[in-house]
Amino acid sequence: MFAMFSYPFIIRALVVGTLVSLCSALLGVNLVLKRYSMIGDGLSHVAFSAMAVATVMNWAPLWVAIPVVIAAAYLLLMFSSNDRLSGDSAIALLSTGALAVGIFIISTKSGINTDINNYMFGSVLAISQSDVTLSVVLSLAVLALYVLFYNKIFAVTFDEPFARATGVRAGFYNFLIAVLTAVTIVLGMRMIGALLISSLIIFPAMSSMRVFKCFRNVVICSAAISVFCFLTGMVISYEYSTPTGASVVLINIAVFVVFCAANFLRGKIRIRKELSE
């Protein structure tokens, strides 16, 4: 297993993957609590479309995808605030439309199937040194902004009307969450893939919520689960030559089942104690 650390592309994948896992886990807690779980899926389809355009035009995919996905996140917030269009409907419209655009563009250009497969399903081999540098800088920026505005994000997540009443600019912090999520999704797509990146946001948060109720404990546990699942998935992918993204997601599913079982057993023990008293 230790032989895997002798490969530069594995080291690059571990560095970027660990940082992206941390970002996705922290933001995932807020998105799940705000019932925006599927925003990751919608934005990943937008990112796929943007990267398809960039590949066809021979542009740098990350530099094209990041501003496009941030703009899409802003549009989703605008649509969600519209009484005539619910949040899930807005995500469905944007994601399916973006995916259709990406597929249409791919069909007009031959010879780019390998790059597109990397975006759809992820590949550790697709991460170049320039991608690593950009990903590390942006991931650290996401983590720094999350920590800096932690209290405001917490207030907007749990009770937005009360936060507005106390003078918190809820619209700005909702947009900040969307922007940080957009950046995280674009960074993670190269390794996990557009079809699976949303699971990196949802599963760690859902697992930690099975056991913990305090917001801070949920955030910390979610971050630990996300990093553990990514590292374990990477090892399994290397040892058994399985797809990295699928391996990471399957480990997340296994951890979710374990936490659900732990929550079930804890409830049984509590009921027995109450009956014995």
Protein backbone atom coordinates (compact mmCIF):
# COMPACT_ATOMS: atom_id res chain seq x y z
CA MET A 1 0.00 0.00 0.00
CA PHE A 2 2.84 2.39 0.81
CA ALA A 3 4.11 2.02 -2.75
CA MET A 4 1.22 4.21 -3.92
CA PHE A 5 2.86 7.24 -2.32
CA SER A 6 5.78 6.96 -4.74
CA TYR A 7 3.59 8.11 -7.63
CA PRO A 8 3.37 11.91 -8.09
CA PHE A 9 -0.17 11.77 -9.48
CA ILE A 10 -1.34 9.91 -6.37
CA ILE A 11 0.19 12.57 -4.12
CA ARG A 12 -1.51 15.28 -6.16
CA ALA A 13 -4.83 13.46 -5.91
CA LEU A 14 -4.46 12.98 -2.15
CA VAL A 15 -3.70 16.66 -1.54
CA VAL A 16 -6.54 17.98 -3.69
CA GLY A 17 -8.98 15.28 -2.63
CA THR A 18 -8.43 15.85 1.08
CA LEU A 19 -8.99 19.60 0.76
CA VAL A 20 -12.05 19.18 -1.48
CA SER A 21 -13.46 16.56 0.91
CA LEU A 22 -13.13 19.01 3.81
CA CYS A 23 -14.82 21.81 1.85
CA SER A 24 -17.67 19.61 0.63
CA ALA A 25 -18.30 18.18 4.11
CA LEU A 26 -18.49 21.58 5.79
CA LEU A 27 -20.78 23.06 3.15
CA GLY A 28 -22.82 19.87 2.94
CA VAL A 29 -24.09 20.31 6.50
CA ASN A 30 -25.50 23.73 5.66
CA LEU A 31 -26.97 22.60 2.33
CA VAL A 32 -28.70 19.57 3.87
CA LEU A 33 -30.16 21.64 6.71
CA LYS A 34 -31.38 24.30 4.26
CA ARG A 35 -32.89 21.56 2.04
CA TYR A 36 -30.55 22.44 -0.82
CA SER A 37 -29.04 18.94 -1.00
CA MET A 38 -29.52 18.63 -4.76
CA ILE A 39 -27.86 21.94 -5.58
CA GLY A 40 -24.60 20.02 -5.92
CA ASP A 41 -26.10 17.81 -8.58
CA GLY A 42 -27.44 20.77 -10.51
CA LEU A 43 -24.21 22.75 -10.38
CA SER A 44 -22.14 19.70 -11.35
CA HIS A 45 -24.14 19.43 -14.58
CA VAL A 46 -23.51 23.10 -15.25
CA ALA A 47 -19.80 22.54 -14.60
CA PHE A 48 -19.81 19.59 -17.00
CA SER A 49 -21.34 21.76 -19.72
CA ALA A 50 -18.80 24.54 -19.10
CA MET A 51 -15.89 22.10 -19.20
CA ALA A 52 -17.22 20.56 -22.41
CA VAL A 53 -17.26 24.00 -24.04
CA ALA A 54 -13.76 24.73 -22.72
CA THR A 55 -12.45 21.41 -24.07
CA VAL A 56 -13.90 22.02 -27.52
CA MET A 57 -12.46 25.55 -27.59
CA ASN A 58 -9.10 24.43 -26.16
CA TRP A 59 -9.49 26.68 -23.13
CA ALA A 60 -8.45 25.91 -19.55
CA PRO A 61 -11.46 23.96 -18.15
CA LEU A 62 -11.20 25.10 -14.52
CA TRP A 63 -10.83 28.77 -15.41
CA VAL A 64 -13.95 28.57 -17.57
CA ALA A 65 -16.06 26.40 -15.28
CA ILE A 66 -15.60 28.31 -12.01
CA PRO A 67 -17.15 31.66 -13.07
CA VAL A 68 -19.90 29.88 -15.03
CA VAL A 69 -20.90 27.71 -12.07
CA ILE A 70 -20.81 30.70 -9.70
CA ALA A 71 -23.20 32.52 -12.06
CA ALA A 72 -25.41 29.42 -12.11
CA ALA A 73 -25.44 29.35 -8.31
CA TYR A 74 -26.60 32.97 -8.29
CA LEU A 75 -29.37 32.15 -10.77
CA LEU A 76 -30.52 29.24 -8.61
CA LEU A 77 -30.83 31.58 -5.63
CA MET A 78 -32.85 34.04 -7.71
CA PHE A 79 -35.14 31.29 -8.99
CA SER A 80 -35.56 29.83 -5.51
CA SER A 81 -36.73 33.19 -4.16
CA ASN A 82 -39.43 33.31 -6.85
CA ASP A 83 -42.76 32.13 -5.45
CA ARG A 84 -43.78 30.76 -8.83
CA LEU A 85 -40.78 28.43 -9.08
CA SER A 86 -39.69 26.14 -6.24
CA GLY A 87 -36.05 25.44 -5.47
CA ASP A 88 -36.07 21.83 -6.67
CA SER A 89 -37.80 22.84 -9.91
CA ALA A 90 -35.16 25.50 -10.54
CA ILE A 91 -32.37 22.99 -9.95
CA ALA A 92 -34.04 20.47 -12.30
CA LEU A 93 -34.46 23.05 -15.06
CA LEU A 94 -30.90 24.33 -14.82
CA SER A 95 -29.22 20.93 -14.45
CA THR A 96 -31.06 19.19 -17.30
CA GLY A 97 -30.67 22.19 -19.57
CA ALA A 98 -26.94 22.46 -18.88
CA LEU A 99 -26.43 18.73 -19.36
CA ALA A 100 -28.24 18.88 -22.71
CA VAL A 101 -26.00 21.76 -23.83
CA GLY A 102 -22.88 19.84 -22.82
CA ILE A 103 -23.94 16.67 -24.65
CA PHE A 104 -24.90 18.66 -27.76
CA ILE A 105 -21.53 20.39 -27.85
CA ILE A 106 -19.69 17.09 -27.39
CA SER A 107 -21.60 15.57 -30.31
CA THR A 108 -20.31 18.30 -32.63
CA LYS A 109 -16.69 17.55 -31.85
CA SER A 110 -14.96 14.18 -32.16
CA GLY A 111 -11.83 12.98 -30.40
CA ILE A 112 -12.53 14.38 -26.91
CA ASN A 113 -14.25 11.35 -25.36
CA THR A 114 -11.38 10.72 -22.93
CA ASP A 115 -11.50 14.21 -21.43
CA ILE A 116 -15.29 14.13 -21.19
CA ASN A 117 -15.24 10.75 -19.45
CA ASN A 118 -12.81 12.23 -16.93
CA TYR A 119 -15.29 15.01 -16.18
CA MET A 120 -18.25 12.64 -15.98
CA PHE A 121 -16.68 9.90 -13.87
CA GLY A 122 -13.49 11.46 -12.52
CA SER A 123 -9.86 10.40 -12.88
CA VAL A 124 -6.82 10.92 -10.66
CA LEU A 125 -4.71 10.94 -13.82
CA ALA A 126 -6.55 14.06 -15.02
CA ILE A 127 -5.10 16.25 -12.27
CA SER A 128 -2.14 18.25 -13.55
CA GLN A 129 0.30 20.27 -11.47
CA SER A 130 -1.38 23.53 -12.53
CA ASP A 131 -4.75 22.09 -11.46
CA VAL A 132 -3.27 21.17 -8.09
CA THR A 133 -1.96 24.69 -7.51
CA LEU A 134 -5.28 26.31 -8.41
CA SER A 135 -7.26 23.72 -6.43
CA VAL A 136 -5.15 24.15 -3.28
CA VAL A 137 -5.42 27.93 -3.38
CA LEU A 138 -9.19 27.92 -3.95
CA SER A 139 -9.82 25.15 -1.39
CA LEU A 140 -7.90 27.04 1.29
CA ALA A 141 -9.86 30.18 0.38
CA VAL A 142 -13.15 28.26 0.76
CA LEU A 143 -12.09 26.90 4.17
CA ALA A 144 -10.89 30.32 5.33
CA LEU A 145 -14.14 32.05 4.32
CA TYR A 146 -16.22 29.34 5.96
CA VAL A 147 -14.34 29.66 9.24
CA LEU A 148 -14.35 33.47 9.07
CA PHE A 149 -18.13 33.70 8.56
CA TYR A 150 -19.00 30.59 10.56
CA ASN A 151 -21.35 32.38 12.99
CA LYS A 152 -23.25 34.17 10.22
CA ILE A 153 -23.55 31.01 8.15
CA PHE A 154 -24.81 29.17 11.22
CA ALA A 155 -27.45 31.86 11.86
CA VAL A 156 -28.68 31.86 8.26
CA THR A 157 -28.79 28.06 8.15
CA PHE A 158 -30.86 27.52 11.29
CA ASP A 159 -33.21 30.48 11.41
CA GLU A 160 -33.03 32.80 8.41
CA PRO A 161 -36.03 35.01 9.35
CA PHE A 162 -34.59 35.63 12.82
CA ALA A 163 -31.16 36.30 11.31
CA ARG A 164 -32.69 38.90 9.00
CA ALA A 165 -34.50 40.48 11.95
CA THR A 166 -31.23 40.85 13.85
CA GLY A 167 -29.55 42.64 10.95
CA VAL A 168 -27.72 39.75 9.32
CA ARG A 169 -27.52 40.10 5.54
CA ALA A 170 -29.05 36.70 4.86
CA GLY A 171 -29.07 37.18 1.09
CA PHE A 172 -25.34 37.82 1.03
CA TYR A 173 -24.50 34.78 3.17
CA ASN A 174 -26.81 32.53 1.16
CA PHE A 175 -24.97 33.68 -1.93
CA LEU A 176 -21.64 33.07 -0.19
CA ILE A 177 -22.68 29.49 0.59
CA ALA A 178 -23.70 29.00 -3.04
CA VAL A 179 -20.41 30.42 -4.34
CA LEU A 180 -18.30 28.28 -2.01
CA THR A 181 -20.33 25.24 -3.05
CA ALA A 182 -19.86 26.06 -6.73
CA VAL A 183 -16.09 26.33 -6.36
CA THR A 184 -15.92 23.08 -4.38
CA ILE A 185 -17.95 21.19 -6.98
CA VAL A 186 -15.77 22.35 -9.87
CA LEU A 187 -12.60 21.37 -8.01
CA GLY A 188 -13.95 17.95 -7.09
CA MET A 189 -15.24 17.05 -10.54
CA ARG A 190 -11.78 16.25 -11.91
CA MET A 191 -11.39 13.47 -9.39
CA ILE A 192 -14.90 12.30 -8.42
CA GLY A 193 -16.80 13.18 -11.58
CA ALA A 194 -19.93 15.19 -12.33
CA LEU A 195 -22.22 12.23 -11.70
CA LEU A 196 -20.91 11.54 -8.19
CA ILE A 197 -19.67 14.85 -6.76
CA SER A 198 -22.98 15.64 -5.06
CA SER A 199 -22.64 12.49 -2.96
CA LEU A 200 -19.46 13.96 -1.46
CA ILE A 201 -21.65 16.79 -0.14
CA ILE A 202 -24.65 14.78 1.06
CA PHE A 203 -23.38 11.54 2.61
CA PRO A 204 -20.94 12.85 5.27
CA ALA A 205 -23.51 15.34 6.54
CA MET A 206 -26.31 12.77 6.62
CA SER A 207 -24.08 10.25 8.40
CA SER A 208 -22.98 12.64 11.14
CA MET A 209 -26.58 13.79 11.70
CA ARG A 210 -27.55 10.21 12.57
CA VAL A 211 -25.44 10.41 15.73
CA PHE A 212 -24.88 14.07 16.63
CA LYS A 213 -27.39 16.89 17.11
CA CYS A 214 -25.14 19.86 17.94
CA PHE A 215 -24.26 21.82 14.80
CA ARG A 216 -20.57 22.10 15.62
CA ASN A 217 -20.26 18.39 16.39
CA VAL A 218 -22.06 17.56 13.14
CA VAL A 219 -19.65 19.76 11.18
CA ILE A 220 -16.56 18.24 12.80
CA CYS A 221 -17.81 14.67 12.42
CA SER A 222 -18.84 15.32 8.81
CA ALA A 223 -15.36 16.62 7.98
CA ALA A 224 -13.72 13.59 9.61
CA ILE A 225 -16.02 11.17 7.77
CA SER A 226 -15.43 12.86 4.43
CA VAL A 227 -11.64 12.76 4.70
CA PHE A 228 -11.68 9.16 5.99
CA CYS A 229 -13.95 7.99 3.15
CA PHE A 230 -11.84 9.71 0.53
CA LEU A 231 -8.54 8.29 1.78
CA THR A 232 -10.03 4.81 2.16
CA GLY A 233 -11.56 5.03 -1.31
CA MET A 234 -8.21 6.07 -2.76
CA VAL A 235 -6.46 3.10 -1.18
CA ILE A 236 -9.13 0.69 -2.44
CA SER A 237 -8.97 2.25 -5.90
CA TYR A 238 -5.20 1.77 -6.01
CA GLU A 239 -5.17 -1.75 -4.58
CA TYR A 240 -8.01 -3.17 -6.69
CA SER A 241 -7.88 -0.88 -9.76
CA THR A 242 -11.45 0.37 -9.20
CA PRO A 243 -12.76 3.82 -10.21
CA THR A 244 -11.79 6.39 -7.58
CA GLY A 245 -15.13 8.21 -7.50
CA ALA A 246 -17.20 5.06 -7.19
CA SER A 247 -14.90 3.69 -4.48
CA VAL A 248 -15.19 6.85 -2.40
CA VAL A 249 -18.98 6.93 -2.72
CA LEU A 250 -19.34 3.25 -1.77
CA ILE A 251 -17.27 3.84 1.38
CA ASN A 252 -19.53 6.80 2.18
CA ILE A 253 -22.57 4.56 1.81
CA ALA A 254 -21.03 1.95 4.11
CA VAL A 255 -20.27 4.60 6.75
CA PHE A 256 -23.83 5.93 6.47
CA VAL A 257 -25.22 2.43 7.11
CA VAL A 258 -22.93 2.04 10.15
CA PHE A 259 -24.01 5.38 11.61
CA CYS A 260 -27.67 4.56 11.00
CA ALA A 261 -27.17 1.28 12.84
CA ALA A 262 -25.41 3.08 15.70
CA ASN A 263 -28.29 5.55 15.97
CA PHE A 264 -30.81 2.69 15.97
CA LEU A 265 -28.94 0.84 18.73
CA ARG A 266 -28.60 3.99 20.78
CA GLY A 267 -32.34 4.54 20.56
CA LYS A 268 -33.01 0.98 21.68
CA ILE A 269 -30.66 1.39 24.66
CA ARG A 270 -32.34 4.67 25.64
CA ILE A 271 -35.79 3.09 25.51
CA ARG A 272 -34.65 0.17 27.67
CA LYS A 273 -33.21 2.56 30.25
CA GLU A 274 -36.42 4.56 30.34
CA LEU A 275 -38.50 1.41 30.79
CA SER A 276 -36.22 0.13 33.54
CA GLU A 277 -36.59 3.39 35.45
